[in-house]
Amino acid sequence: MTITERLCALSGELPPDAQSELLDFAEFLQKKKALRPASGVPLRELRGGLENSATFAGSPMTVQERLRREWD
């Protein structure tokens, strides 16, 4: 019996409130998977990728002031 078949059989035996909870959890897992980068690279490995960016060049204070002016 495959995992899908086992899950289907088990969910059929649960009361409706537990089935709803199981569905919520399955949808959560689906959304969690969709949030991963398409390349499969964990986000923590992408850190530090903007140090050579013109937008973020200069001191942190200069960058912050420039970004604040964007809102005016």
PDB file of N, CA and C in Angstrom:
ATOM      1  N   MET A   1       0.850  -1.175   0.000  1.00  0.00           N
ATOM      2  CA  MET A   1       0.000   0.000   0.000  1.00  0.00           C
ATOM      3  C   MET A   1       0.901   1.244   0.000  1.00  0.00           C
ATOM      4  N   THR A   2       0.622   2.155  -0.907  1.00  0.00           N
ATOM      5  CA  THR A   2       1.429   3.367  -1.004  1.00  0.00           C
ATOM      6  C   THR A   2       1.077   4.342   0.122  1.00  0.00           C
ATOM      7  N   ILE A   3       1.920   5.334   0.291  1.00  0.00           N
ATOM      8  CA  ILE A   3       1.667   6.362   1.313  1.00  0.00           C
ATOM      9  C   ILE A   3       0.350   7.071   1.029  1.00  0.00           C
ATOM     10  N   THR A   4       0.106   7.367  -0.245  1.00  0.00           N
ATOM     11  CA  THR A   4      -1.132   8.051  -0.624  1.00  0.00           C
ATOM     12  C   THR A   4      -2.345   7.204  -0.258  1.00  0.00           C
ATOM     13  N   GLU A   5      -2.267   5.922  -0.534  1.00  0.00           N
ATOM     14  CA  GLU A   5      -3.376   5.009  -0.203  1.00  0.00           C
ATOM     15  C   GLU A   5      -3.566   4.905   1.306  1.00  0.00           C
ATOM     16  N   ARG A   6      -2.470   4.810   2.035  1.00  0.00           N
ATOM     17  CA  ARG A   6      -2.557   4.737   3.501  1.00  0.00           C
ATOM     18  C   ARG A   6      -3.167   6.004   4.080  1.00  0.00           C
ATOM     19  N   LEU A   7      -2.727   7.150   3.557  1.00  0.00           N
ATOM     20  CA  LEU A   7      -3.244   8.424   4.036  1.00  0.00           C
ATOM     21  C   LEU A   7      -4.733   8.559   3.736  1.00  0.00           C
ATOM     22  N   CYS A   8      -5.132   8.149   2.547  1.00  0.00           N
ATOM     23  CA  CYS A   8      -6.544   8.205   2.166  1.00  0.00           C
ATOM     24  C   CYS A   8      -7.382   7.296   3.065  1.00  0.00           C
ATOM     25  N   ALA A   9      -6.910   6.098   3.313  1.00  0.00           N
ATOM     26  CA  ALA A   9      -7.646   5.158   4.168  1.00  0.00           C
ATOM     27  C   ALA A   9      -7.750   5.679   5.599  1.00  0.00           C
ATOM     28  N   LEU A  10      -6.651   6.189   6.106  1.00  0.00           N
ATOM     29  CA  LEU A  10      -6.638   6.708   7.466  1.00  0.00           C
ATOM     30  C   LEU A  10      -7.541   7.920   7.606  1.00  0.00           C
ATOM     31  N   SER A  11      -7.482   8.825   6.630  1.00  0.00           N
ATOM     32  CA  SER A  11      -8.301  10.036   6.724  1.00  0.00           C
ATOM     33  C   SER A  11      -9.784   9.704   6.652  1.00  0.00           C
ATOM     34  N   GLY A  12     -10.139   8.649   5.947  1.00  0.00           N
ATOM     35  CA  GLY A  12     -11.541   8.227   5.871  1.00  0.00           C
ATOM     36  C   GLY A  12     -12.084   7.724   7.197  1.00  0.00           C
ATOM     37  N   GLU A  13     -11.200   7.294   8.078  1.00  0.00           N
ATOM     38  CA  GLU A  13     -11.618   6.784   9.388  1.00  0.00           C
ATOM     39  C   GLU A  13     -11.707   7.875  10.452  1.00  0.00           C
ATOM     40  N   LEU A  14     -11.189   9.065  10.137  1.00  0.00           N
ATOM     41  CA  LEU A  14     -11.176  10.152  11.108  1.00  0.00           C
ATOM     42  C   LEU A  14     -12.524  10.874  11.142  1.00  0.00           C
ATOM     43  N   PRO A  15     -12.854  11.471  12.288  1.00  0.00           N
ATOM     44  CA  PRO A  15     -14.069  12.294  12.352  1.00  0.00           C
ATOM     45  C   PRO A  15     -13.891  13.551  11.500  1.00  0.00           C
ATOM     46  N   PRO A  16     -14.982  14.183  11.089  1.00  0.00           N
ATOM     47  CA  PRO A  16     -14.895  15.343  10.197  1.00  0.00           C
ATOM     48  C   PRO A  16     -13.978  16.465  10.694  1.00  0.00           C
ATOM     49  N   ASP A  17     -13.981  16.746  11.989  1.00  0.00           N
ATOM     50  CA  ASP A  17     -13.117  17.819  12.491  1.00  0.00           C
ATOM     51  C   ASP A  17     -11.639  17.459  12.336  1.00  0.00           C
ATOM     52  N   ALA A  18     -11.297  16.193  12.528  1.00  0.00           N
ATOM     53  CA  ALA A  18      -9.910  15.751  12.353  1.00  0.00           C
ATOM     54  C   ALA A  18      -9.540  15.738  10.867  1.00  0.00           C
ATOM     55  N   GLN A  19     -10.498  15.391   9.998  1.00  0.00           N
ATOM     56  CA  GLN A  19     -10.249  15.441   8.557  1.00  0.00           C
ATOM     57  C   GLN A  19      -9.942  16.878   8.116  1.00  0.00           C
ATOM     58  N   SER A  20     -10.696  17.819   8.677  1.00  0.00           N
ATOM     59  CA  SER A  20     -10.470  19.222   8.361  1.00  0.00           C
ATOM     60  C   SER A  20      -9.080  19.662   8.812  1.00  0.00           C
ATOM     61  N   GLU A  21      -8.685  19.211  10.001  1.00  0.00           N
ATOM     62  CA  GLU A  21      -7.351  19.548  10.518  1.00  0.00           C
ATOM     63  C   GLU A  21      -6.257  18.930   9.646  1.00  0.00           C
ATOM     64  N   LEU A  22      -6.478  17.717   9.206  1.00  0.00           N
ATOM     65  CA  LEU A  22      -5.511  17.045   8.328  1.00  0.00           C
ATOM     66  C   LEU A  22      -5.391  17.787   6.998  1.00  0.00           C
ATOM     67  N   LEU A  23      -6.512  18.239   6.460  1.00  0.00           N
ATOM     68  CA  LEU A  23      -6.495  19.003   5.221  1.00  0.00           C
ATOM     69  C   LEU A  23      -5.748  20.321   5.407  1.00  0.00           C
ATOM     70  N   ASP A  24      -6.004  21.013   6.514  1.00  0.00           N
ATOM     71  CA  ASP A  24      -5.295  22.257   6.805  1.00  0.00           C
ATOM     72  C   ASP A  24      -3.787  22.032   6.851  1.00  0.00           C
ATOM     73  N   PHE A  25      -3.383  20.935   7.497  1.00  0.00           N
ATOM     74  CA  PHE A  25      -1.953  20.637   7.607  1.00  0.00           C
ATOM     75  C   PHE A  25      -1.345  20.329   6.236  1.00  0.00           C
ATOM     76  N   ALA A  26      -2.069  19.566   5.417  1.00  0.00           N
ATOM     77  CA  ALA A  26      -1.572  19.238   4.076  1.00  0.00           C
ATOM     78  C   ALA A  26      -1.418  20.513   3.240  1.00  0.00           C
ATOM     79  N   GLU A  27      -2.375  21.433   3.363  1.00  0.00           N
ATOM     80  CA  GLU A  27      -2.284  22.705   2.630  1.00  0.00           C
ATOM     81  C   GLU A  27      -1.125  23.557   3.141  1.00  0.00           C
ATOM     82  N   PHE A  28      -0.892  23.515   4.454  1.00  0.00           N
ATOM     83  CA  PHE A  28       0.253  24.219   5.034  1.00  0.00           C
ATOM     84  C   PHE A  28       1.557  23.687   4.438  1.00  0.00           C
ATOM     85  N   LEU A  29       1.692  22.365   4.383  1.00  0.00           N
ATOM     86  CA  LEU A  29       2.909  21.766   3.822  1.00  0.00           C
ATOM     87  C   LEU A  29       3.089  22.143   2.352  1.00  0.00           C
ATOM     88  N   GLN A  30       1.992  22.213   1.622  1.00  0.00           N
ATOM     89  CA  GLN A  30       2.051  22.585   0.218  1.00  0.00           C
ATOM     90  C   GLN A  30       2.532  24.029   0.066  1.00  0.00           C
ATOM     91  N   LYS A  31       2.011  24.933   0.889  1.00  0.00           N
ATOM     92  CA  LYS A  31       2.431  26.335   0.845  1.00  0.00           C
ATOM     93  C   LYS A  31       3.887  26.480   1.267  1.00  0.00           C
ATOM     94  N   LYS A  32       4.289  25.712   2.286  1.00  0.00           N
ATOM     95  CA  LYS A  32       5.670  25.760   2.764  1.00  0.00           C
ATOM     96  C   LYS A  32       6.635  25.346   1.647  1.00  0.00           C
ATOM     97  N   LYS A  33       6.251  24.338   0.904  1.00  0.00           N
ATOM     98  CA  LYS A  33       7.091  23.878  -0.203  1.00  0.00           C
ATOM     99  C   LYS A  33       7.164  24.946  -1.286  1.00  0.00           C
ATOM    100  N   ALA A  34       6.063  25.652  -1.534  1.00  0.00           N
ATOM    101  CA  ALA A  34       6.035  26.685  -2.578  1.00  0.00           C
ATOM    102  C   ALA A  34       6.900  27.881  -2.207  1.00  0.00           C
ATOM    103  N   LEU A  35       7.167  28.103  -0.917  1.00  0.00           N
ATOM    104  CA  LEU A  35       7.962  29.238  -0.483  1.00  0.00           C
ATOM    105  C   LEU A  35       9.461  29.012  -0.632  1.00  0.00           C
ATOM    106  N   ARG A  36       9.868  27.793  -0.880  1.00  0.00           N
ATOM    107  CA  ARG A  36      11.294  27.509  -1.075  1.00  0.00           C
ATOM    108  C   ARG A  36      11.756  28.116  -2.395  1.00  0.00           C
ATOM    109  N   PRO A  37      12.971  28.560  -2.458  1.00  0.00           N
ATOM    110  CA  PRO A  37      13.481  29.102  -3.720  1.00  0.00           C
ATOM    111  C   PRO A  37      13.401  28.051  -4.824  1.00  0.00           C
ATOM    112  N   ALA A  38      13.081  28.489  -6.032  1.00  0.00           N
ATOM    113  CA  ALA A  38      12.936  27.575  -7.165  1.00  0.00           C
ATOM    114  C   ALA A  38      14.229  26.810  -7.438  1.00  0.00           C
ATOM    115  N   SER A  39      15.353  27.409  -7.143  1.00  0.00           N
ATOM    116  CA  SER A  39      16.631  26.759  -7.422  1.00  0.00           C
ATOM    117  C   SER A  39      16.947  25.655  -6.415  1.00  0.00           C
ATOM    118  N   GLY A  40      16.176  25.605  -5.340  1.00  0.00           N
ATOM    119  CA  GLY A  40      16.447  24.630  -4.302  1.00  0.00           C
ATOM    120  C   GLY A  40      17.546  25.075  -3.353  1.00  0.00           C
ATOM    121  N   VAL A  41      17.995  26.309  -3.507  1.00  0.00           N
ATOM    122  CA  VAL A  41      19.048  26.841  -2.650  1.00  0.00           C
ATOM    123  C   VAL A  41      18.408  27.411  -1.391  1.00  0.00           C
ATOM    124  N   PRO A  42      18.825  26.977  -0.215  1.00  0.00           N
ATOM    125  CA  PRO A  42      18.276  27.572   1.012  1.00  0.00           C
ATOM    126  C   PRO A  42      18.559  29.073   1.065  1.00  0.00           C
ATOM    127  N   LEU A  43      17.625  29.843   1.576  1.00  0.00           N
ATOM    128  CA  LEU A  43      17.767  31.297   1.617  1.00  0.00           C
ATOM    129  C   LEU A  43      19.021  31.741   2.346  1.00  0.00           C
ATOM    130  N   ARG A  44      19.426  31.019   3.377  1.00  0.00           N
ATOM    131  CA  ARG A  44      20.618  31.429   4.133  1.00  0.00           C
ATOM    132  C   ARG A  44      21.874  31.414   3.263  1.00  0.00           C
ATOM    133  N   GLU A  45      21.866  30.629   2.189  1.00  0.00           N
ATOM    134  CA  GLU A  45      23.024  30.603   1.291  1.00  0.00           C
ATOM    135  C   GLU A  45      23.049  31.810   0.350  1.00  0.00           C
ATOM    136  N   LEU A  46      21.953  32.553   0.274  1.00  0.00           N
ATOM    137  CA  LEU A  46      21.891  33.719  -0.594  1.00  0.00           C
ATOM    138  C   LEU A  46      22.305  34.995   0.123  1.00  0.00           C
ATOM    139  N   ARG A  47      22.559  34.921   1.414  1.00  0.00           N
ATOM    140  CA  ARG A  47      22.908  36.118   2.181  1.00  0.00           C
ATOM    141  C   ARG A  47      24.223  36.714   1.669  1.00  0.00           C
ATOM    142  N   GLY A  48      24.298  38.029   1.771  1.00  0.00           N
ATOM    143  CA  GLY A  48      25.508  38.714   1.339  1.00  0.00           C
ATOM    144  C   GLY A  48      25.585  38.932  -0.154  1.00  0.00           C
ATOM    145  N   GLY A  49      24.499  38.699  -0.873  1.00  0.00           N
ATOM    146  CA  GLY A  49      24.536  38.832  -2.319  1.00  0.00           C
ATOM    147  C   GLY A  49      24.395  40.248  -2.831  1.00  0.00           C
ATOM    148  N   LEU A  50      24.216  41.227  -1.952  1.00  0.00           N
ATOM    149  CA  LEU A  50      24.003  42.609  -2.396  1.00  0.00           C
ATOM    150  C   LEU A  50      25.178  43.528  -2.077  1.00  0.00           C
ATOM    151  N   GLU A  51      26.279  42.996  -1.602  1.00  0.00           N
ATOM    152  CA  GLU A  51      27.388  43.875  -1.210  1.00  0.00           C
ATOM    153  C   GLU A  51      27.963  44.654  -2.386  1.00  0.00           C
ATOM    154  N   ASN A  52      27.782  44.171  -3.608  1.00  0.00           N
ATOM    155  CA  ASN A  52      28.292  44.887  -4.784  1.00  0.00           C
ATOM    156  C   ASN A  52      27.183  45.616  -5.544  1.00  0.00           C
ATOM    157  N   SER A  53      26.012  45.699  -4.941  1.00  0.00           N
ATOM    158  CA  SER A  53      24.882  46.366  -5.575  1.00  0.00           C
ATOM    159  C   SER A  53      25.016  47.887  -5.481  1.00  0.00           C
ATOM    160  N   ALA A  54      24.717  48.590  -6.588  1.00  0.00           N
ATOM    161  CA  ALA A  54      24.766  50.060  -6.581  1.00  0.00           C
ATOM    162  C   ALA A  54      23.711  50.625  -5.638  1.00  0.00           C
ATOM    163  N   THR A  55      22.589  49.959  -5.536  1.00  0.00           N
ATOM    164  CA  THR A  55      21.514  50.423  -4.664  1.00  0.00           C
ATOM    165  C   THR A  55      21.942  50.439  -3.210  1.00  0.00           C
ATOM    166  N   PHE A  56      22.730  49.470  -2.812  1.00  0.00           N
ATOM    167  CA  PHE A  56      23.126  49.342  -1.416  1.00  0.00           C
ATOM    168  C   PHE A  56      24.590  49.719  -1.191  1.00  0.00           C
ATOM    169  N   ALA A  57      25.154  50.512  -2.110  1.00  0.00           N
ATOM    170  CA  ALA A  57      26.540  50.948  -1.967  1.00  0.00           C
ATOM    171  C   ALA A  57      26.616  52.066  -0.925  1.00  0.00           C
ATOM    172  N   GLY A  58      27.703  52.145  -0.231  1.00  0.00           N
ATOM    173  CA  GLY A  58      27.907  53.186   0.772  1.00  0.00           C
ATOM    174  C   GLY A  58      27.669  52.665   2.167  1.00  0.00           C
ATOM    175  N   SER A  59      27.733  53.586   3.085  1.00  0.00           N
ATOM    176  CA  SER A  59      27.551  53.201   4.479  1.00  0.00           C
ATOM    177  C   SER A  59      26.083  52.841   4.731  1.00  0.00           C
ATOM    178  N   PRO A  60      25.814  52.026   5.725  1.00  0.00           N
ATOM    179  CA  PRO A  60      24.429  51.673   6.042  1.00  0.00           C
ATOM    180  C   PRO A  60      23.554  52.906   6.304  1.00  0.00           C
ATOM    181  N   MET A  61      24.141  53.942   6.919  1.00  0.00           N
ATOM    182  CA  MET A  61      23.376  55.159   7.200  1.00  0.00           C
ATOM    183  C   MET A  61      22.982  55.857   5.893  1.00  0.00           C
ATOM    184  N   THR A  62      23.914  55.912   4.936  1.00  0.00           N
ATOM    185  CA  THR A  62      23.629  56.535   3.638  1.00  0.00           C
ATOM    186  C   THR A  62      22.534  55.770   2.903  1.00  0.00           C
ATOM    187  N   VAL A  63      22.631  54.463   2.925  1.00  0.00           N
ATOM    188  CA  VAL A  63      21.629  53.624   2.274  1.00  0.00           C
ATOM    189  C   VAL A  63      20.268  53.862   2.912  1.00  0.00           C
ATOM    190  N   GLN A  64      20.220  53.890   4.228  1.00  0.00           N
ATOM    191  CA  GLN A  64      18.964  54.099   4.940  1.00  0.00           C
ATOM    192  C   GLN A  64      18.359  55.464   4.595  1.00  0.00           C
ATOM    193  N   GLU A  65      19.181  56.504   4.561  1.00  0.00           N
ATOM    194  CA  GLU A  65      18.684  57.834   4.219  1.00  0.00           C
ATOM    195  C   GLU A  65      18.154  57.868   2.789  1.00  0.00           C
ATOM    196  N   ARG A  66      18.862  57.216   1.871  1.00  0.00           N
ATOM    197  CA  ARG A  66      18.428  57.177   0.472  1.00  0.00           C
ATOM    198  C   ARG A  66      17.086  56.437   0.351  1.00  0.00           C
ATOM    199  N   LEU A  67      16.955  55.346   1.074  1.00  0.00           N
ATOM    200  CA  LEU A  67      15.698  54.589   1.025  1.00  0.00           C
ATOM    201  C   LEU A  67      14.546  55.384   1.646  1.00  0.00           C
ATOM    202  N   ARG A  68      14.811  56.120   2.700  1.00  0.00           N
ATOM    203  CA  ARG A  68      13.760  56.939   3.308  1.00  0.00           C
ATOM    204  C   ARG A  68      13.278  58.012   2.342  1.00  0.00           C
ATOM    205  N   ARG A  69      14.184  58.593   1.568  1.00  0.00           N
ATOM    206  CA  ARG A  69      13.799  59.623   0.600  1.00  0.00           C
ATOM    207  C   ARG A  69      12.891  59.073  -0.489  1.00  0.00           C
ATOM    208  N   GLU A  70      12.958  57.750  -0.704  1.00  0.00           N
ATOM    209  CA  GLU A  70      12.096  57.113  -1.695  1.00  0.00           C
ATOM    210  C   GLU A  70      10.626  57.272  -1.304  1.00  0.00           C
ATOM    211  N   TRP A  71      10.338  57.386  -0.024  1.00  0.00           N
ATOM    212  CA  TRP A  71       8.955  57.443   0.460  1.00  0.00           C
ATOM    213  C   TRP A  71       8.395  58.860   0.452  1.00  0.00           C
ATOM    214  N   ASP A  72       9.233  59.848   0.264  1.00  0.00           N
ATOM    215  CA  ASP A  72       8.750  61.239   0.282  1.00  0.00           C
ATOM    216  C   ASP A  72       8.142  61.646  -1.040  1.00  0.00           C
TER     217      ASP A  72
END
